[in-house]
Amino acid sequence: MSTAEALPAPVPEPTPTSAPVPVPTPAELARAAELYLDLHRHPELSGAEERTAARFAAPLAEAGYRVATGIGGHGVAAVLRNGPGPVVMLRAELDALPVAERTGLPYASTATGRTADGRCVPVMHACGHDVHLACAVGAAAALAGSRAQWRGTVLVVGQPAEETLAGARAMLEAGLYRRFEPPSVVLAQHTAPLPAGMVAHGRGPVTAGSRTLRVVIHGRGGHAGTPHLAVDPVLAAAAVVLRIQSIVARETSPAEQLVVTVGSVEAGEEGNVIPERAVLRLTVRAFTEAALERAVGAVRRIVRAEAQASDCPREPEIEELSRSGPHTPDPALTDQLRTVHRELFGPQRVAEWPPAPATEDFPLFGPDGVHLHGVPGIRTAYWMLGTVGPEQWAAAPGTGATEKLAALPANHSPLFRPHVGTTLRTGIAALHAASLAALARP
């Protein structure tokens, strides 16, 4: 099922319901927008989120939260206790992507950063983490201002290095759930190219598991004019890139969702030199661990076979850079929050979300990470937050939701640009209402 098939009729303009929306007030929305714009202008790469962490921590401290920083890198945790009751954690991500922004917005990022291997690259919040942070701060402030409505503890977490799938593990290994009372419920939302003013909940898995691999194919360098005296690793790498698509086309059931993508190919510097090696970086994504392991095994087999077929002088190197598991939020909690959001926004603004091959390390904060944190029984909820404003929706080519959604810039695009007012207003309200539903009533 495509995303469009899961949607009701598109709702470019949010439609108010008779139910009161408790937050944000105009002043709260203005503060959230100011934070969002600042974070968007000053994005930082995974592991380098020092300024972002400080900007996230400051308004939480001002709202009365006890704040700790430097957890598992630049991770932030802020606690607000309000009597006995459940511990509810709100999670947002600090990091941005090595993408050059092309939105043309007056607050567009012109920032650059250094990758782990020392390259200078452009940096952009192309996945909406700046939205997540602003909404988490807005919801946290609203909870601090409405303590008569709930009992328990709120734990707000700013996670570093989500894009590299390293930050959740780092925070947990640094003792997040030992330094603070561990949560019974963990909540998160994520931007998606749906009409702003909408949220979407899944039934079953909402994000895929993944494996990211680095493959090095060794050749024998030489002159481009005498390829018979060399072993060309570029040719072997090209054969790998094409052949691994057969894993999906010929080794996987059509009923099973599997994605294999080569995102990076590096080899040589000049057109007249056959290089010594070629380097590929690729990801495998699926919704079961069995499918992931089977596909990774097939990638290893194909890489080795193509290297042998090219008579490469050395065995290829295959390194796993990162991994994540499929995420299936708690069904009962998801149903509860779907009802809460329908009552808050109206049913026409709450869509169904099909399994998406995007991936996250968020599941580690819940049951999938019990081997790291040792806390059984944590329930997670995770929903999608629409970002596309009315003008952008209307301008998108196509006559229906399917055509428009296919044409709109998706997450990780240099053209990704959330509609600030409607997205923040909806995201703060959605997260605040979900938190109240998970906390105890006085």
Protein backbone atom coordinates (compact mmCIF):
# COMPACT_ATOMS: atom_id res chain seq x y z
CA MET A 1 0.00 0.00 0.00
CA SER A 2 1.31 3.44 -0.86
CA THR A 3 1.11 6.37 1.54
CA ALA A 4 -1.52 7.99 -0.65
CA GLU A 5 -3.75 4.92 -0.55
CA ALA A 6 -3.77 5.13 3.23
CA LEU A 7 -4.93 8.74 3.28
CA PRO A 8 -8.42 10.16 3.32
CA ALA A 9 -9.18 12.99 0.93
CA PRO A 10 -6.34 15.53 1.18
CA VAL A 11 -6.83 18.30 3.70
CA PRO A 12 -4.53 21.18 2.71
CA GLU A 13 -6.21 23.51 5.20
CA PRO A 14 -6.69 22.15 8.73
CA THR A 15 -10.35 21.95 9.67
CA PRO A 16 -11.08 22.90 13.29
CA THR A 17 -13.34 20.68 15.35
CA SER A 18 -15.62 21.54 18.20
CA ALA A 19 -13.14 19.96 20.62
CA PRO A 20 -10.87 22.57 22.22
CA VAL A 21 -7.20 22.40 21.29
CA PRO A 22 -5.37 23.12 24.57
CA VAL A 23 -2.02 24.18 23.12
CA PRO A 24 -0.19 26.00 21.81
CA THR A 25 -1.25 29.50 22.71
CA PRO A 26 -0.12 32.25 20.30
CA ALA A 27 2.78 33.09 22.61
CA GLU A 28 3.82 29.42 22.88
CA LEU A 29 3.62 29.01 19.11
CA ALA A 30 5.74 32.13 18.59
CA ARG A 31 8.43 30.81 20.94
CA ALA A 32 8.41 27.42 19.20
CA ALA A 33 8.66 29.07 15.78
CA GLU A 34 11.59 31.21 16.94
CA LEU A 35 13.40 28.09 18.14
CA TYR A 36 12.60 26.23 14.92
CA LEU A 37 13.90 29.01 12.68
CA ASP A 38 17.11 29.28 14.68
CA LEU A 39 17.71 25.53 14.59
CA HIS A 40 16.96 25.40 10.89
CA ARG A 41 19.50 28.14 10.15
CA HIS A 42 22.18 26.43 12.26
CA PRO A 43 22.02 22.67 11.68
CA GLU A 44 24.78 20.34 12.91
CA LEU A 45 25.86 16.90 11.77
CA SER A 46 25.52 13.72 13.78
CA GLY A 47 27.90 13.77 16.72
CA ALA A 48 28.56 17.52 16.41
CA GLU A 49 25.27 18.85 17.85
CA GLU A 50 26.79 21.01 20.61
CA ARG A 51 24.97 24.25 19.76
CA THR A 52 21.70 22.45 18.99
CA ALA A 53 21.81 20.67 22.35
CA ALA A 54 22.34 23.95 24.19
CA ARG A 55 19.46 25.65 22.34
CA PHE A 56 17.20 22.70 23.14
CA ALA A 57 18.19 22.55 26.81
CA ALA A 58 17.77 26.26 27.59
CA PRO A 59 13.96 26.61 27.21
CA LEU A 60 13.44 23.32 29.07
CA ALA A 61 15.38 24.69 32.03
CA GLU A 62 13.39 27.92 31.83
CA ALA A 63 10.16 25.88 32.00
CA GLY A 64 11.28 24.31 35.28
CA TYR A 65 12.80 21.04 34.09
CA ARG A 66 15.95 19.65 35.67
CA VAL A 67 18.30 19.39 32.70
CA ALA A 68 21.38 17.23 32.12
CA THR A 69 23.57 17.43 29.02
CA GLY A 70 26.43 15.46 27.49
CA ILE A 71 24.71 12.07 27.72
CA GLY A 72 26.11 9.69 25.11
CA GLY A 73 27.67 12.55 23.20
CA HIS A 74 25.59 15.74 23.08
CA GLY A 75 22.44 14.07 24.39
CA VAL A 76 20.03 16.09 26.55
CA ALA A 77 17.62 14.83 29.22
CA ALA A 78 15.19 17.05 31.12
CA VAL A 79 12.94 15.90 33.99
CA LEU A 80 9.80 17.39 35.50
CA ARG A 81 8.27 15.53 38.45
CA ASN A 82 4.68 16.15 39.46
CA GLY A 83 3.77 13.62 42.10
CA PRO A 84 3.38 9.84 41.87
CA GLY A 85 2.43 8.33 38.52
CA PRO A 86 3.84 6.99 35.27
CA VAL A 87 7.05 8.24 33.68
CA VAL A 88 6.41 9.46 30.12
CA MET A 89 9.36 10.20 27.83
CA LEU A 90 9.20 12.55 24.84
CA ARG A 91 12.03 12.01 22.37
CA ALA A 92 13.33 14.34 19.64
CA GLU A 93 16.53 14.24 17.56
CA LEU A 94 19.32 16.82 17.45
CA ASP A 95 21.21 16.06 14.24
CA ALA A 96 20.92 17.18 10.63
CA LEU A 97 22.06 15.79 7.28
CA PRO A 98 24.91 16.46 4.81
CA VAL A 99 22.52 18.01 2.28
CA ALA A 100 22.77 21.38 0.50
CA GLU A 101 19.48 23.22 1.01
CA ARG A 102 17.76 24.49 -2.16
CA THR A 103 14.44 25.73 -0.78
CA GLY A 104 15.20 29.42 -1.34
CA LEU A 105 13.63 30.23 2.03
CA PRO A 106 14.86 33.37 3.82
CA TYR A 107 15.91 31.19 6.76
CA ALA A 108 17.55 28.47 4.62
CA SER A 109 20.68 26.86 5.98
CA THR A 110 24.06 27.86 4.58
CA ALA A 111 25.92 25.88 7.24
CA THR A 112 28.73 23.46 6.60
CA GLY A 113 30.23 20.74 8.76
CA ARG A 114 32.98 18.14 8.88
CA THR A 115 32.21 14.48 8.36
CA ALA A 116 33.92 11.74 10.35
CA ASP A 117 36.49 11.37 7.56
CA GLY A 118 37.25 15.10 7.51
CA ARG A 119 35.28 16.22 4.45
CA CYS A 120 33.61 19.64 4.51
CA VAL A 121 29.97 19.24 3.50
CA PRO A 122 26.80 21.38 3.46
CA VAL A 123 24.37 20.72 6.31
CA MET A 124 20.57 20.95 6.34
CA HIS A 125 17.67 19.88 8.53
CA ALA A 126 16.19 17.91 5.63
CA CYS A 127 14.42 15.35 7.82
CA GLY A 128 12.47 17.62 10.15
CA HIS A 129 14.47 17.12 13.33
CA ASP A 130 14.25 20.88 13.93
CA VAL A 131 10.46 20.48 13.87
CA HIS A 132 10.64 17.61 16.35
CA LEU A 133 12.79 19.64 18.75
CA ALA A 134 10.56 22.72 18.61
CA CYS A 135 7.42 20.62 19.12
CA ALA A 136 8.98 18.76 22.06
CA VAL A 137 9.93 22.04 23.73
CA GLY A 138 6.45 23.43 23.08
CA ALA A 139 4.72 20.36 24.50
CA ALA A 140 7.10 20.25 27.48
CA ALA A 141 6.37 23.90 28.30
CA ALA A 142 2.63 23.28 28.01
CA LEU A 143 2.90 20.32 30.38
CA ALA A 144 4.87 22.42 32.85
CA GLY A 145 2.12 25.03 32.72
CA SER A 146 -0.73 22.54 33.18
CA ARG A 147 0.44 20.47 36.16
CA ALA A 148 -3.03 20.54 37.67
CA GLN A 149 -4.15 18.27 34.80
CA TRP A 150 -1.72 15.38 35.35
CA ARG A 151 0.42 13.40 37.75
CA GLY A 152 3.68 11.57 37.17
CA THR A 153 7.03 12.44 35.61
CA VAL A 154 7.89 13.87 32.19
CA LEU A 155 11.30 13.02 30.73
CA VAL A 156 12.23 15.01 27.60
CA VAL A 157 15.16 13.64 25.60
CA GLY A 158 17.14 15.29 22.82
CA GLN A 159 18.95 12.44 21.09
CA PRO A 160 22.17 12.92 19.11
CA ALA A 161 23.26 10.96 16.04
CA GLU A 162 19.94 9.52 14.93
CA GLU A 163 20.89 9.73 11.26
CA THR A 164 23.86 7.42 11.89
CA LEU A 165 21.74 5.11 14.10
CA ALA A 166 24.23 5.54 16.94
CA GLY A 167 22.67 8.05 19.33
CA ALA A 168 19.99 6.02 21.10
CA ARG A 169 22.46 3.26 21.91
CA ALA A 170 25.04 5.80 23.10
CA MET A 171 22.57 7.49 25.47
CA LEU A 172 21.40 4.18 26.90
CA GLU A 173 24.94 2.89 27.31
CA ALA A 174 25.76 6.16 29.08
CA GLY A 175 23.10 5.29 31.66
CA LEU A 176 20.06 7.33 30.59
CA TYR A 177 17.67 4.93 32.34
CA ARG A 178 19.96 4.63 35.38
CA ARG A 179 20.51 8.34 35.86
CA PHE A 180 16.80 9.05 35.52
CA GLU A 181 13.73 7.07 36.47
CA PRO A 182 13.07 4.86 33.42
CA PRO A 183 9.91 5.53 31.42
CA SER A 184 6.85 3.35 31.18
CA VAL A 185 5.84 5.07 27.94
CA VAL A 186 8.03 6.61 25.21
CA LEU A 187 6.46 8.96 22.63
CA ALA A 188 7.81 10.36 19.36
CA GLN A 189 6.50 11.87 16.15
CA HIS A 190 8.16 12.31 12.78
CA THR A 191 7.60 14.73 9.92
CA ALA A 192 6.24 13.31 6.67
CA PRO A 193 5.13 14.84 3.34
CA LEU A 194 1.44 14.79 4.26
CA PRO A 195 -0.76 17.88 4.36
CA ALA A 196 0.15 20.08 7.32
CA GLY A 197 -2.46 19.81 10.04
CA MET A 198 -2.67 16.02 9.74
CA VAL A 199 -1.19 13.18 11.78
CA ALA A 200 -1.02 9.51 10.79
CA HIS A 201 -0.83 6.36 12.90
CA GLY A 202 0.20 2.90 11.75
CA ARG A 203 -1.18 -0.55 12.44
CA GLY A 204 1.73 -2.91 12.79
CA PRO A 205 5.26 -1.81 11.86
CA VAL A 206 5.68 1.88 11.05
CA THR A 207 9.38 1.86 10.11
CA ALA A 208 11.71 -0.78 8.75
CA GLY A 209 14.84 -2.34 10.16
CA SER A 210 18.09 -1.73 8.35
CA ARG A 211 21.68 -2.74 7.85
CA THR A 212 24.21 -0.27 6.41
CA LEU A 213 27.28 -1.83 4.81
CA ARG A 214 30.60 -0.54 3.49
CA VAL A 215 32.09 -2.64 0.71
CA VAL A 216 35.67 -2.27 -0.53
CA ILE A 217 36.56 -4.02 -3.81
CA HIS A 218 40.29 -4.29 -4.42
CA GLY A 219 41.69 -4.13 -7.95
CA ARG A 220 45.09 -3.54 -9.47
CA GLY A 221 45.67 -0.03 -10.70
CA GLY A 222 46.97 0.85 -14.11
CA HIS A 223 46.67 2.92 -17.27
CA ALA A 224 43.24 3.44 -18.80
CA GLY A 225 44.71 2.61 -22.21
CA THR A 226 45.98 -0.81 -21.08
CA PRO A 227 43.14 -2.26 -19.02
CA HIS A 228 44.33 -5.80 -19.75
CA LEU A 229 47.34 -5.13 -17.54
CA ALA A 230 45.17 -4.05 -14.60
CA VAL A 231 42.18 -5.35 -12.65
CA ASP A 232 39.42 -2.76 -12.79
CA PRO A 233 37.57 -2.47 -9.43
CA VAL A 234 35.12 0.01 -10.97
CA LEU A 235 33.81 -2.63 -13.35
CA ALA A 236 33.44 -5.11 -10.48
CA ALA A 237 31.68 -2.48 -8.36
CA ALA A 238 29.30 -1.65 -11.22
CA ALA A 239 28.49 -5.33 -11.57
CA VAL A 240 27.74 -5.49 -7.83
CA VAL A 241 25.47 -2.43 -8.00
CA LEU A 242 23.39 -4.01 -10.76
CA ARG A 243 23.46 -7.58 -9.48
CA ILE A 244 22.30 -6.88 -5.94
CA GLN A 245 18.99 -5.59 -7.28
CA SER A 246 18.25 -9.22 -8.13
CA ILE A 247 17.97 -9.82 -4.37
CA VAL A 248 14.69 -7.93 -4.45
CA ALA A 249 13.61 -8.92 -7.97
CA ARG A 250 14.47 -12.63 -7.87
CA GLU A 251 15.17 -13.76 -4.31
CA THR A 252 12.34 -12.07 -2.40
CA SER A 253 8.64 -12.81 -2.47
CA PRO A 254 6.60 -10.06 -4.13
CA ALA A 255 4.49 -10.01 -0.95
CA GLU A 256 7.49 -9.07 1.18
CA GLN A 257 8.80 -5.50 1.37
CA LEU A 258 12.57 -5.29 0.90
CA VAL A 259 14.74 -2.42 -0.32
CA VAL A 260 18.42 -2.59 -1.29
CA THR A 261 19.97 0.78 -2.16
CA VAL A 262 23.54 1.78 -3.02
CA GLY A 263 23.86 5.36 -1.84
CA SER A 264 27.55 5.99 -2.42
CA VAL A 265 30.14 4.86 -5.00
CA GLU A 266 33.73 6.10 -4.70
CA ALA A 267 36.59 5.16 -6.99
CA GLY A 268 39.57 6.97 -8.47
CA GLU A 269 40.34 10.59 -9.27
CA GLU A 270 41.08 10.75 -13.02
CA GLY A 271 39.50 9.38 -16.18
CA ASN A 272 42.80 7.98 -17.50
CA VAL A 273 43.75 5.99 -14.39
CA ILE A 274 42.33 2.64 -13.30
CA PRO A 275 42.17 2.93 -9.49
CA GLU A 276 43.32 0.45 -6.89
CA ARG A 277 39.92 0.08 -5.25
CA ALA A 278 36.24 1.00 -5.31
CA VAL A 279 34.12 1.67 -2.23
CA LEU A 280 30.35 1.20 -2.01
CA ARG A 281 28.03 2.17 0.81
CA LEU A 282 24.61 0.57 0.77
CA THR A 283 21.57 -0.08 2.92
CA VAL A 284 19.24 -3.04 3.20
CA ARG A 285 15.77 -2.42 4.66
CA ALA A 286 13.00 -4.84 5.58
CA PHE A 287 10.28 -5.39 8.16
CA THR A 288 11.56 -8.63 9.70
CA GLU A 289 14.95 -9.60 11.08
CA ALA A 290 14.86 -12.78 9.01
CA ALA A 291 14.48 -10.81 5.77
CA LEU A 292 17.30 -8.46 6.76
CA GLU A 293 19.72 -11.30 7.52
CA ARG A 294 18.80 -13.13 4.33
CA ALA A 295 19.34 -10.04 2.19
CA VAL A 296 22.64 -9.14 3.85
CA GLY A 297 23.83 -12.70 3.29
CA ALA A 298 22.93 -12.34 -0.39
CA VAL A 299 24.84 -9.04 -0.64
CA ARG A 300 27.94 -10.70 0.83
CA ARG A 301 27.63 -13.61 -1.59
CA ILE A 302 27.26 -11.37 -4.64
CA VAL A 303 30.14 -9.08 -3.67
CA ARG A 304 32.50 -12.00 -3.21
CA ALA A 305 31.35 -13.67 -6.44
CA GLU A 306 31.77 -10.53 -8.55
CA ALA A 307 35.22 -9.91 -7.08
CA GLN A 308 36.20 -13.46 -7.95
CA ALA A 309 34.71 -13.14 -11.44
CA SER A 310 36.87 -10.05 -12.00
CA ASP A 311 39.95 -11.88 -10.68
CA CYS A 312 40.49 -9.29 -7.97
CA PRO A 313 43.84 -9.77 -6.22
CA ARG A 314 42.35 -9.60 -2.72
CA GLU A 315 39.12 -10.63 -1.03
CA PRO A 316 36.64 -7.75 -0.75
CA GLU A 317 36.06 -6.11 2.62
CA ILE A 318 32.46 -6.00 3.89
CA GLU A 319 31.87 -3.98 7.04
CA GLU A 320 28.57 -3.36 8.84
CA LEU A 321 28.42 0.34 9.71
CA SER A 322 25.06 0.44 11.48
CA ARG A 323 21.90 -1.50 12.11
CA SER A 324 18.39 -0.91 13.38
CA GLY A 325 15.36 -3.08 14.00
CA PRO A 326 11.84 -2.77 12.61
CA HIS A 327 9.61 -0.69 14.84
CA THR A 328 6.11 -1.81 15.78
CA PRO A 329 4.61 0.59 18.36
CA ASP A 330 2.49 -0.80 21.16
CA PRO A 331 -0.90 -1.63 19.55
CA ALA A 332 -3.08 -0.71 22.54
CA LEU A 333 -1.27 2.57 23.17
CA THR A 334 -1.41 3.41 19.46
CA ASP A 335 -5.17 2.82 19.38
CA GLN A 336 -5.58 5.01 22.47
CA LEU A 337 -3.60 7.89 20.97
CA ARG A 338 -5.31 7.55 17.60
CA THR A 339 -8.60 8.11 19.44
CA VAL A 340 -7.13 11.04 21.37
CA HIS A 341 -5.96 12.69 18.15
CA ARG A 342 -9.28 12.10 16.40
CA GLU A 343 -11.09 13.78 19.27
CA LEU A 344 -8.59 16.64 19.22
CA PHE A 345 -8.32 17.30 15.47
CA GLY A 346 -11.34 15.53 13.96
CA PRO A 347 -11.24 12.21 12.09
CA GLN A 348 -10.53 13.85 8.72
CA ARG A 349 -7.12 14.95 10.01
CA VAL A 350 -5.99 11.56 11.35
CA ALA A 351 -4.81 9.16 8.64
CA GLU A 352 -3.62 5.57 8.52
CA TRP A 353 0.12 5.12 7.95
CA PRO A 354 1.40 2.10 6.01
CA PRO A 355 4.77 0.51 6.82
CA ALA A 356 7.52 2.82 5.56
CA PRO A 357 11.05 1.70 4.63
CA ALA A 358 12.56 4.61 6.53
CA THR A 359 14.48 3.44 9.58
CA GLU A 360 15.09 4.67 13.12
CA ASP A 361 17.03 3.79 16.28
CA PHE A 362 14.01 4.92 18.33
CA PRO A 363 12.95 1.28 19.03
CA LEU A 364 15.97 0.90 21.34
CA PHE A 365 14.29 3.16 23.88
CA GLY A 366 11.53 0.54 24.17
CA PRO A 367 11.35 -3.27 24.17
CA ASP A 368 13.92 -3.68 21.38
CA GLY A 369 16.59 -2.17 23.62
CA VAL A 370 15.97 -4.19 26.78
CA HIS A 371 19.40 -5.80 26.33
CA LEU A 372 20.87 -2.29 26.66
CA HIS A 373 18.72 -0.69 29.34
CA GLY A 374 17.36 -3.71 31.23
CA VAL A 375 13.87 -2.25 31.67
CA PRO A 376 11.10 -4.61 30.49
CA GLY A 377 7.58 -3.54 29.65
CA ILE A 378 8.23 -0.10 28.14
CA ARG A 379 5.51 0.85 25.65
CA THR A 380 6.24 3.03 22.62
CA ALA A 381 4.03 5.16 20.37
CA TYR A 382 5.15 6.84 17.15
CA TRP A 383 3.11 8.78 14.63
CA MET A 384 3.68 10.88 11.53
CA LEU A 385 3.20 14.64 11.37
CA GLY A 386 2.18 16.35 8.13
CA THR A 387 4.30 19.26 6.88
CA VAL A 388 2.99 20.34 3.46
CA GLY A 389 1.33 23.75 3.48
CA PRO A 390 -1.77 24.64 1.44
CA GLU A 391 0.12 26.60 -1.24
CA GLN A 392 2.73 23.91 -1.70
CA TRP A 393 0.02 21.25 -1.91
CA ALA A 394 -1.96 23.24 -4.45
CA ALA A 395 1.15 23.88 -6.56
CA ALA A 396 2.21 20.23 -6.62
CA PRO A 397 1.48 18.62 -10.01
CA GLY A 398 -1.32 16.09 -10.17
CA THR A 399 -5.05 15.95 -9.61
CA GLY A 400 -5.23 13.57 -6.67
CA ALA A 401 -3.41 12.67 -3.47
CA THR A 402 -1.39 9.89 -5.11
CA GLU A 403 0.05 12.12 -7.85
CA LYS A 404 0.69 15.05 -5.53
CA LEU A 405 2.41 12.99 -2.85
CA ALA A 406 4.67 11.44 -5.49
CA ALA A 407 5.69 14.93 -6.70
CA LEU A 408 6.25 16.62 -3.33
CA PRO A 409 9.77 16.83 -1.84
CA ALA A 410 10.17 14.02 0.68
CA ASN A 411 12.38 13.80 3.73
CA HIS A 412 16.12 14.04 2.91
CA SER A 413 15.35 16.18 -0.16
CA PRO A 414 17.21 19.52 -0.49
CA LEU A 415 13.74 21.00 -1.21
CA PHE A 416 12.09 19.70 2.00
CA ARG A 417 10.35 22.66 3.67
CA PRO A 418 7.72 22.23 6.40
CA HIS A 419 4.93 24.79 6.67
CA VAL A 420 6.08 26.36 9.92
CA GLY A 421 2.88 27.59 11.57
CA THR A 422 0.53 24.71 10.84
CA THR A 423 3.17 22.00 11.37
CA LEU A 424 4.30 23.33 14.75
CA ARG A 425 0.78 24.06 15.94
CA THR A 426 -0.35 20.53 15.12
CA GLY A 427 2.82 18.84 16.37
CA ILE A 428 2.80 20.59 19.75
CA ALA A 429 -0.89 19.85 20.26
CA ALA A 430 -0.50 16.21 19.19
CA LEU A 431 2.44 15.57 21.51
CA HIS A 432 0.86 17.43 24.43
CA ALA A 433 -2.43 15.56 24.12
CA ALA A 434 -0.64 12.20 23.82
CA SER A 435 1.43 12.98 26.92
CA LEU A 436 -1.67 13.88 28.94
CA ALA A 437 -3.30 10.62 27.85
CA ALA A 438 -0.28 8.62 29.05
CA LEU A 439 0.12 10.45 32.37
CA ALA A 440 -2.11 9.93 35.41
CA ARG A 441 -5.11 12.15 36.04
CA PRO A 442 -5.24 13.99 39.39
